[in-house]
């Protein structure tokens, strides 16, 4: 075989490999999109106040847990490995009509494990953008998203940090 033929074969092999990887990434993105839409639906029904996201075995990132509004998120987060984790904050505001109409301002906490740093952070930024757009499109209740920020946790966080 000539060198040109070998180069063409290698090029074809790399193209096929790239197509397979692209399909896998599209499937992962679709999976993440659906999990975020589900979380948005739960949030709209006032069933959750936090999202915990961690690496999945094969899918990159998986929404593994939602916290009920009544649950103490602070206790849950302190149980995590705080010196090796990051917390993402999303400030939202929504109204509840119970005996009287009231507005609740809440910060959603997203736990991102260290394995999601680096290349996967781009995927998380996309997930956040999807979360924001779906929730706003569904409820029209966001006051402001400027409160979103990323924090590296080195020690115990002060309690008012997220309320």
N, C-alpha and C. Protein backbone atom coordinates (compact mmCIF):
# COMPACT_ATOMS: atom_id res chain seq x y z
N UNK A 1 0.84 -1.19 0.00
CA UNK A 1 0.00 0.00 0.00
C UNK A 1 0.87 1.24 0.00
N UNK A 2 0.43 2.19 -0.75
CA UNK A 2 1.20 3.43 -0.80
C UNK A 2 0.89 4.27 0.44
N UNK A 3 1.71 5.24 0.67
CA UNK A 3 1.53 6.14 1.82
C UNK A 3 0.22 6.91 1.68
N UNK A 4 -0.10 7.31 0.47
CA UNK A 4 -1.35 8.05 0.23
C UNK A 4 -2.56 7.19 0.59
N UNK A 5 -2.54 5.93 0.22
CA UNK A 5 -3.64 5.02 0.55
C UNK A 5 -3.78 4.85 2.06
N UNK A 6 -2.64 4.70 2.73
CA UNK A 6 -2.66 4.57 4.19
C UNK A 6 -3.24 5.82 4.84
N UNK A 7 -2.85 6.98 4.35
CA UNK A 7 -3.37 8.24 4.90
C UNK A 7 -4.87 8.36 4.69
N UNK A 8 -5.34 7.93 3.52
CA UNK A 8 -6.78 7.98 3.24
C UNK A 8 -7.54 7.04 4.18
N UNK A 9 -7.01 5.84 4.39
CA UNK A 9 -7.65 4.88 5.30
C UNK A 9 -7.68 5.40 6.74
N UNK A 10 -6.58 5.97 7.18
CA UNK A 10 -6.53 6.54 8.53
C UNK A 10 -7.52 7.69 8.66
N UNK A 11 -7.58 8.52 7.63
CA UNK A 11 -8.52 9.64 7.64
C UNK A 11 -9.97 9.16 7.72
N UNK A 12 -10.29 8.14 6.94
CA UNK A 12 -11.65 7.57 6.97
C UNK A 12 -11.98 7.00 8.35
N UNK A 13 -11.02 6.29 8.92
CA UNK A 13 -11.23 5.72 10.25
C UNK A 13 -11.48 6.82 11.29
N UNK A 14 -10.70 7.89 11.24
CA UNK A 14 -10.88 8.99 12.18
C UNK A 14 -12.23 9.69 11.99
N UNK A 15 -12.67 9.81 10.74
CA UNK A 15 -13.99 10.42 10.47
C UNK A 15 -15.11 9.57 11.07
N UNK A 16 -15.02 8.27 10.90
CA UNK A 16 -16.04 7.37 11.46
C UNK A 16 -16.03 7.45 12.98
N UNK A 17 -14.86 7.47 13.57
CA UNK A 17 -14.74 7.59 15.02
C UNK A 17 -15.35 8.90 15.51
N UNK A 18 -15.12 9.97 14.77
CA UNK A 18 -15.67 11.28 15.12
C UNK A 18 -17.20 11.27 15.05
N UNK A 19 -17.76 10.62 14.03
CA UNK A 19 -19.22 10.53 13.90
C UNK A 19 -19.84 9.78 15.06
N UNK A 20 -19.20 8.68 15.46
CA UNK A 20 -19.71 7.89 16.59
C UNK A 20 -19.68 8.73 17.86
N UNK A 21 -18.58 9.43 18.08
CA UNK A 21 -18.45 10.27 19.28
C UNK A 21 -19.47 11.41 19.27
N UNK A 22 -19.69 12.02 18.11
CA UNK A 22 -20.67 13.11 17.99
C UNK A 22 -22.08 12.62 18.32
N UNK A 23 -22.42 11.43 17.82
CA UNK A 23 -23.74 10.86 18.12
C UNK A 23 -23.90 10.62 19.61
N UNK A 24 -22.85 10.09 20.23
CA UNK A 24 -22.90 9.84 21.67
C UNK A 24 -23.10 11.15 22.43
N UNK A 25 -22.37 12.19 22.04
CA UNK A 25 -22.50 13.49 22.71
C UNK A 25 -23.90 14.07 22.52
N UNK A 26 -24.47 13.91 21.31
CA UNK A 26 -25.84 14.39 21.08
C UNK A 26 -26.83 13.65 21.97
N UNK A 27 -26.64 12.35 22.12
CA UNK A 27 -27.51 11.57 23.00
C UNK A 27 -27.39 12.02 24.45
N UNK A 28 -26.17 12.29 24.89
CA UNK A 28 -25.95 12.78 26.25
C UNK A 28 -26.64 14.13 26.43
N UNK A 29 -26.46 15.03 25.45
CA UNK A 29 -27.10 16.35 25.54
C UNK A 29 -28.62 16.23 25.60
N UNK A 30 -29.19 15.34 24.80
CA UNK A 30 -30.64 15.15 24.82
C UNK A 30 -31.10 14.61 26.17
N UNK A 31 -30.32 13.71 26.74
CA UNK A 31 -30.64 13.15 28.05
C UNK A 31 -30.61 14.25 29.12
N UNK A 32 -29.54 15.06 29.10
CA UNK A 32 -29.43 16.15 30.06
C UNK A 32 -30.58 17.14 29.88
N UNK A 33 -30.88 17.48 28.63
CA UNK A 33 -31.99 18.40 28.35
C UNK A 33 -33.28 17.89 28.97
N UNK A 34 -33.56 16.61 28.81
CA UNK A 34 -34.81 16.05 29.34
C UNK A 34 -34.83 16.08 30.86
N UNK A 35 -33.71 15.74 31.48
CA UNK A 35 -33.66 15.77 32.94
C UNK A 35 -33.86 17.19 33.46
N UNK A 36 -33.30 18.17 32.76
CA UNK A 36 -33.47 19.56 33.17
C UNK A 36 -34.91 19.99 33.00
N UNK A 37 -35.53 19.61 31.89
CA UNK A 37 -36.95 19.94 31.69
C UNK A 37 -37.81 19.33 32.80
N UNK A 38 -37.50 18.09 33.18
CA UNK A 38 -38.24 17.46 34.28
C UNK A 38 -38.05 18.23 35.58
N UNK A 39 -36.81 18.66 35.82
CA UNK A 39 -36.54 19.42 37.04
C UNK A 39 -37.28 20.75 37.02
N UNK A 40 -37.35 21.38 35.86
CA UNK A 40 -38.09 22.63 35.72
C UNK A 40 -39.56 22.40 36.04
N UNK A 41 -40.11 21.32 35.55
CA UNK A 41 -41.50 21.00 35.83
C UNK A 41 -41.72 20.81 37.33
N UNK A 42 -40.81 20.10 37.97
CA UNK A 42 -40.92 19.91 39.42
C UNK A 42 -40.83 21.23 40.16
N UNK A 43 -39.90 22.07 39.72
CA UNK A 43 -39.73 23.36 40.39
C UNK A 43 -40.98 24.20 40.22
N UNK A 44 -41.58 24.15 39.05
CA UNK A 44 -42.80 24.91 38.80
C UNK A 44 -43.94 24.44 39.70
N UNK A 45 -43.93 23.18 40.07
CA UNK A 45 -44.96 22.64 40.97
C UNK A 45 -44.56 22.78 42.43
N UNK A 46 -43.48 23.52 42.68
CA UNK A 46 -43.00 23.80 44.05
C UNK A 46 -42.61 22.53 44.80
N UNK A 47 -42.18 21.54 44.06
CA UNK A 47 -41.83 20.28 44.72
C UNK A 47 -40.35 20.21 45.08
N UNK A 48 -39.52 21.02 44.46
CA UNK A 48 -38.09 20.95 44.78
C UNK A 48 -37.52 22.34 44.97
N UNK A 49 -36.39 22.40 45.66
CA UNK A 49 -35.68 23.66 45.77
C UNK A 49 -34.21 23.50 45.45
N UNK A 50 -33.80 22.34 45.06
CA UNK A 50 -32.39 22.16 44.71
C UNK A 50 -32.18 21.02 43.75
N UNK A 51 -31.11 21.11 43.00
CA UNK A 51 -30.74 20.05 42.08
C UNK A 51 -29.35 19.57 42.44
N UNK A 52 -29.17 18.29 42.49
CA UNK A 52 -27.83 17.74 42.71
C UNK A 52 -27.43 17.02 41.43
N UNK A 53 -26.31 17.40 40.87
CA UNK A 53 -25.86 16.82 39.61
C UNK A 53 -24.49 16.21 39.82
N UNK A 54 -24.28 15.02 39.32
CA UNK A 54 -22.98 14.38 39.45
C UNK A 54 -22.68 13.59 38.18
N UNK A 55 -21.43 13.15 38.01
CA UNK A 55 -21.12 12.40 36.80
C UNK A 55 -21.90 11.09 36.77
N UNK A 56 -22.44 10.76 35.64
CA UNK A 56 -23.10 9.46 35.49
C UNK A 56 -22.07 8.45 35.01
N UNK A 57 -22.40 7.19 35.13
CA UNK A 57 -21.44 6.15 34.74
C UNK A 57 -21.06 6.27 33.27
N UNK A 58 -22.05 6.51 32.40
CA UNK A 58 -21.75 6.57 30.98
C UNK A 58 -22.21 7.87 30.33
N UNK A 59 -23.11 8.58 30.95
CA UNK A 59 -23.75 9.71 30.27
C UNK A 59 -23.16 11.07 30.59
N UNK A 60 -22.06 11.13 31.31
CA UNK A 60 -21.44 12.42 31.56
C UNK A 60 -21.98 13.09 32.80
N UNK A 61 -23.20 13.61 32.74
CA UNK A 61 -23.81 14.28 33.89
C UNK A 61 -25.21 13.74 34.06
N UNK A 62 -25.60 13.52 35.29
CA UNK A 62 -26.93 12.99 35.54
C UNK A 62 -27.56 13.76 36.71
N UNK A 63 -28.80 14.15 36.54
CA UNK A 63 -29.54 14.72 37.66
C UNK A 63 -29.93 13.56 38.56
N UNK A 64 -29.31 13.46 39.71
CA UNK A 64 -29.51 12.27 40.52
C UNK A 64 -30.48 12.47 41.67
N UNK A 65 -30.75 13.69 42.03
CA UNK A 65 -31.59 13.89 43.19
C UNK A 65 -32.24 15.26 43.14
N UNK A 66 -33.47 15.33 43.58
CA UNK A 66 -34.10 16.63 43.79
C UNK A 66 -34.50 16.72 45.25
N UNK A 67 -34.35 17.89 45.81
CA UNK A 67 -34.65 18.07 47.22
C UNK A 67 -36.03 18.69 47.38
N UNK A 68 -36.88 18.12 48.25
CA UNK A 68 -38.17 18.76 48.50
C UNK A 68 -37.96 20.12 49.16
N UNK A 69 -38.91 21.00 48.95
CA UNK A 69 -38.80 22.37 49.48
C UNK A 69 -38.59 22.35 50.98
N UNK A 70 -39.21 21.42 51.68
CA UNK A 70 -39.13 21.41 53.14
C UNK A 70 -37.79 20.92 53.66
N UNK A 71 -37.02 20.26 52.83
CA UNK A 71 -35.79 19.63 53.31
C UNK A 71 -34.70 20.67 53.53
N UNK A 72 -33.85 20.41 54.49
CA UNK A 72 -32.78 21.34 54.82
C UNK A 72 -31.58 21.07 53.90
N UNK A 73 -31.48 21.88 52.88
CA UNK A 73 -30.41 21.68 51.89
C UNK A 73 -29.04 21.89 52.52
N UNK A 74 -28.96 22.80 53.48
CA UNK A 74 -27.68 23.09 54.11
C UNK A 74 -27.07 21.82 54.71
N UNK A 75 -27.89 21.04 55.40
CA UNK A 75 -27.41 19.80 56.00
C UNK A 75 -26.95 18.82 54.93
N UNK A 76 -27.69 18.74 53.86
CA UNK A 76 -27.35 17.81 52.78
C UNK A 76 -26.00 18.18 52.18
N UNK A 77 -25.82 19.47 51.91
CA UNK A 77 -24.59 19.90 51.26
C UNK A 77 -23.38 19.74 52.16
N UNK A 78 -23.56 19.94 53.46
CA UNK A 78 -22.44 19.76 54.37
C UNK A 78 -22.00 18.30 54.43
N UNK A 79 -22.90 17.41 54.09
CA UNK A 79 -22.54 15.99 54.08
C UNK A 79 -21.68 15.64 52.87
N UNK A 80 -21.64 16.52 51.89
CA UNK A 80 -20.82 16.26 50.71
C UNK A 80 -19.35 16.52 51.03
N UNK A 81 -18.49 16.19 50.10
CA UNK A 81 -17.06 16.40 50.27
C UNK A 81 -16.75 17.86 49.95
N UNK A 82 -16.92 18.73 50.92
CA UNK A 82 -16.90 20.17 50.66
C UNK A 82 -15.55 20.69 50.18
N UNK A 83 -14.46 20.05 50.58
CA UNK A 83 -13.17 20.58 50.15
C UNK A 83 -12.85 20.23 48.70
N UNK A 84 -13.69 19.41 48.07
CA UNK A 84 -13.43 19.02 46.69
C UNK A 84 -14.63 19.26 45.79
N UNK A 85 -15.54 20.11 46.19
CA UNK A 85 -16.75 20.28 45.40
C UNK A 85 -16.98 21.73 45.03
N UNK A 86 -17.91 21.93 44.12
CA UNK A 86 -18.32 23.27 43.73
C UNK A 86 -19.83 23.35 43.85
N UNK A 87 -20.32 24.49 44.23
CA UNK A 87 -21.76 24.70 44.32
C UNK A 87 -22.13 25.76 43.30
N UNK A 88 -23.14 25.50 42.51
CA UNK A 88 -23.65 26.49 41.59
C UNK A 88 -24.93 27.06 42.17
N UNK A 89 -25.04 28.38 42.16
CA UNK A 89 -26.21 29.04 42.71
C UNK A 89 -27.08 29.59 41.59
N UNK A 90 -28.38 29.35 41.67
CA UNK A 90 -29.32 29.94 40.73
C UNK A 90 -30.41 30.61 41.55
N UNK A 91 -30.52 31.91 41.46
CA UNK A 91 -31.55 32.62 42.20
C UNK A 91 -32.83 32.66 41.39
N UNK A 92 -33.93 32.24 41.99
CA UNK A 92 -35.22 32.30 41.31
C UNK A 92 -36.25 32.91 42.25
N UNK A 93 -37.30 33.39 41.66
CA UNK A 93 -38.41 33.94 42.44
C UNK A 93 -39.70 33.42 41.84
N UNK A 94 -40.60 32.93 42.67
CA UNK A 94 -41.88 32.47 42.15
C UNK A 94 -42.97 32.75 43.17
N UNK A 95 -44.21 32.72 42.71
CA UNK A 95 -45.34 33.04 43.58
C UNK A 95 -46.12 31.78 43.92
N UNK A 96 -46.63 31.75 45.13
CA UNK A 96 -47.48 30.66 45.58
C UNK A 96 -48.80 31.26 46.06
N UNK A 97 -49.89 30.67 45.60
CA UNK A 97 -51.19 31.11 46.08
C UNK A 97 -51.71 30.05 47.04
N UNK A 98 -51.58 30.30 48.32
CA UNK A 98 -52.13 29.39 49.32
C UNK A 98 -53.31 30.12 49.96
N UNK A 99 -53.26 30.36 51.26
CA UNK A 99 -54.32 31.16 51.88
C UNK A 99 -54.21 32.60 51.42
N UNK A 100 -52.99 33.02 51.17
CA UNK A 100 -52.76 34.35 50.60
C UNK A 100 -51.62 34.24 49.60
N UNK A 101 -51.61 35.14 48.65
CA UNK A 101 -50.56 35.09 47.63
C UNK A 101 -49.25 35.58 48.24
N UNK A 102 -48.20 34.84 48.02
CA UNK A 102 -46.90 35.25 48.53
C UNK A 102 -45.82 34.92 47.51
N UNK A 103 -44.78 35.71 47.52
CA UNK A 103 -43.66 35.49 46.63
C UNK A 103 -42.52 34.87 47.41
N UNK A 104 -41.95 33.82 46.87
CA UNK A 104 -40.81 33.16 47.52
C UNK A 104 -39.58 33.37 46.66
N UNK A 105 -38.55 33.91 47.27
CA UNK A 105 -37.26 34.03 46.60
C UNK A 105 -36.39 32.90 47.12
N UNK A 106 -35.89 32.11 46.23
CA UNK A 106 -35.10 30.96 46.66
C UNK A 106 -33.89 30.81 45.75
N UNK A 107 -32.82 30.37 46.34
CA UNK A 107 -31.62 30.06 45.56
C UNK A 107 -31.53 28.56 45.39
N UNK A 108 -31.53 28.13 44.16
CA UNK A 108 -31.38 26.70 43.88
C UNK A 108 -29.89 26.38 43.94
N UNK A 109 -29.57 25.29 44.58
CA UNK A 109 -28.18 24.89 44.70
C UNK A 109 -27.92 23.68 43.82
N UNK A 110 -26.90 23.75 43.01
CA UNK A 110 -26.53 22.62 42.17
C UNK A 110 -25.15 22.15 42.58
N UNK A 111 -25.03 20.94 43.02
CA UNK A 111 -23.74 20.39 43.41
C UNK A 111 -23.07 19.74 42.20
N UNK A 112 -21.90 20.22 41.87
CA UNK A 112 -21.14 19.68 40.75
C UNK A 112 -19.88 19.05 41.31
N UNK A 113 -19.71 17.77 41.10
CA UNK A 113 -18.54 17.10 41.67
C UNK A 113 -17.29 17.45 40.88
N UNK A 114 -16.11 17.28 41.48
CA UNK A 114 -14.86 17.67 40.82
C UNK A 114 -14.65 17.01 39.47
N UNK A 115 -15.18 15.82 39.28
CA UNK A 115 -15.00 15.12 38.00
C UNK A 115 -15.66 15.87 36.85
N UNK A 116 -16.59 16.78 37.18
CA UNK A 116 -17.28 17.51 36.12
C UNK A 116 -16.55 18.79 35.72
N UNK A 117 -15.42 19.08 36.35
CA UNK A 117 -14.69 20.30 36.02
C UNK A 117 -14.00 20.14 34.67
N UNK A 118 -13.45 21.21 34.17
CA UNK A 118 -12.70 21.13 32.91
C UNK A 118 -13.61 21.05 31.71
N UNK A 119 -13.39 20.05 30.89
CA UNK A 119 -14.13 19.93 29.62
C UNK A 119 -15.63 19.85 29.84
N UNK A 120 -16.06 19.19 30.91
CA UNK A 120 -17.49 19.03 31.13
C UNK A 120 -18.15 20.30 31.63
N UNK A 121 -17.37 21.29 32.06
CA UNK A 121 -17.98 22.54 32.54
C UNK A 121 -18.72 23.24 31.40
N UNK A 122 -18.25 23.06 30.18
CA UNK A 122 -18.95 23.63 29.03
C UNK A 122 -20.34 23.02 28.92
N UNK A 123 -20.42 21.72 29.14
CA UNK A 123 -21.70 21.04 29.10
C UNK A 123 -22.62 21.56 30.21
N UNK A 124 -22.05 21.82 31.40
CA UNK A 124 -22.86 22.34 32.50
C UNK A 124 -23.38 23.74 32.17
N UNK A 125 -22.54 24.58 31.55
CA UNK A 125 -23.00 25.91 31.17
C UNK A 125 -24.19 25.79 30.23
N UNK A 126 -24.13 24.84 29.31
CA UNK A 126 -25.25 24.62 28.40
C UNK A 126 -26.48 24.16 29.18
N UNK A 127 -26.27 23.26 30.14
CA UNK A 127 -27.38 22.78 30.96
C UNK A 127 -28.02 23.92 31.73
N UNK A 128 -27.21 24.82 32.25
CA UNK A 128 -27.75 25.97 32.98
C UNK A 128 -28.58 26.85 32.05
N UNK A 129 -28.07 27.10 30.85
CA UNK A 129 -28.81 27.94 29.90
C UNK A 129 -30.15 27.29 29.54
N UNK A 130 -30.15 25.98 29.37
CA UNK A 130 -31.40 25.27 29.07
C UNK A 130 -32.36 25.39 30.25
N UNK A 131 -31.82 25.19 31.45
CA UNK A 131 -32.66 25.28 32.65
C UNK A 131 -33.33 26.66 32.71
N UNK A 132 -32.53 27.69 32.53
CA UNK A 132 -33.04 29.06 32.61
C UNK A 132 -34.12 29.30 31.57
N UNK A 133 -33.86 28.92 30.33
CA UNK A 133 -34.82 29.22 29.27
C UNK A 133 -36.11 28.42 29.43
N UNK A 134 -36.01 27.14 29.81
CA UNK A 134 -37.21 26.34 29.97
C UNK A 134 -38.05 26.82 31.15
N UNK A 135 -37.39 27.14 32.25
CA UNK A 135 -38.16 27.57 33.42
C UNK A 135 -38.84 28.90 33.13
N UNK A 136 -38.10 29.82 32.52
CA UNK A 136 -38.70 31.13 32.24
C UNK A 136 -39.84 31.00 31.23
N UNK A 137 -39.64 30.19 30.20
CA UNK A 137 -40.68 30.01 29.19
C UNK A 137 -41.94 29.41 29.81
N UNK A 138 -41.76 28.55 30.80
CA UNK A 138 -42.90 27.88 31.42
C UNK A 138 -43.63 28.77 32.41
N UNK A 139 -42.89 29.58 33.16
CA UNK A 139 -43.51 30.29 34.28
C UNK A 139 -43.52 31.81 34.14
N UNK A 140 -42.58 32.36 33.37
CA UNK A 140 -42.43 33.82 33.25
C UNK A 140 -42.22 34.45 34.63
N UNK A 141 -41.58 33.75 35.55
CA UNK A 141 -41.50 34.24 36.93
C UNK A 141 -40.09 34.56 37.40
N UNK A 142 -39.11 34.59 36.52
CA UNK A 142 -37.79 34.96 36.99
C UNK A 142 -37.71 36.46 37.21
N UNK A 143 -37.18 36.85 38.36
CA UNK A 143 -36.89 38.26 38.58
C UNK A 143 -35.60 38.63 37.86
N UNK A 144 -34.57 37.86 38.17
CA UNK A 144 -33.24 38.24 37.74
C UNK A 144 -32.34 37.01 37.81
N UNK A 145 -31.48 36.84 36.84
CA UNK A 145 -30.56 35.72 36.89
C UNK A 145 -29.13 36.16 37.18
N UNK A 146 -28.95 37.41 37.56
CA UNK A 146 -27.60 37.88 37.80
C UNK A 146 -26.99 37.24 39.05
N UNK A 147 -27.81 36.59 39.87
CA UNK A 147 -27.29 35.96 41.08
C UNK A 147 -26.59 34.65 40.84
N UNK A 148 -26.57 34.20 39.59
CA UNK A 148 -25.90 32.92 39.30
C UNK A 148 -24.40 33.10 39.39
N UNK A 149 -23.77 32.27 40.16
CA UNK A 149 -22.32 32.33 40.25
C UNK A 149 -21.78 30.97 40.66
N UNK A 150 -20.51 30.81 40.42
CA UNK A 150 -19.86 29.55 40.75
C UNK A 150 -18.92 29.81 41.92
N UNK A 151 -18.97 28.94 42.91
CA UNK A 151 -18.11 29.10 44.08
C UNK A 151 -17.35 27.81 44.33
N UNK A 152 -16.09 27.93 44.65
CA UNK A 152 -15.35 26.76 45.11
C UNK A 152 -15.43 26.73 46.62
N UNK A 153 -15.83 25.62 47.19
CA UNK A 153 -16.00 25.53 48.63
C UNK A 153 -14.74 24.90 49.22
N UNK A 154 -14.11 25.62 50.13
CA UNK A 154 -12.89 25.11 50.75
C UNK A 154 -13.18 24.64 52.17
N UNK A 155 -14.04 25.35 52.87
CA UNK A 155 -14.39 24.97 54.24
C UNK A 155 -15.90 25.04 54.37
N UNK A 156 -16.39 25.02 55.58
CA UNK A 156 -17.83 25.12 55.78
C UNK A 156 -18.33 26.46 55.29
N UNK A 157 -19.46 26.46 54.61
CA UNK A 157 -19.99 27.72 54.13
C UNK A 157 -20.89 28.32 55.19
N UNK A 158 -20.94 29.64 55.27
CA UNK A 158 -21.85 30.27 56.23
C UNK A 158 -23.29 29.99 55.85
N UNK A 159 -24.15 29.86 56.84
CA UNK A 159 -25.53 29.50 56.57
C UNK A 159 -26.25 30.49 55.65
N UNK A 160 -26.05 31.81 55.78
CA UNK A 160 -26.80 32.72 54.90
C UNK A 160 -26.33 32.69 53.45
N UNK A 161 -25.33 31.85 53.16
CA UNK A 161 -24.73 31.85 51.83
C UNK A 161 -25.75 31.57 50.74
N UNK A 162 -26.79 30.78 51.05
CA UNK A 162 -27.73 30.46 49.98
C UNK A 162 -29.15 30.84 50.30
N UNK A 163 -29.44 31.45 51.44
CA UNK A 163 -30.81 31.87 51.72
C UNK A 163 -30.93 33.38 51.73
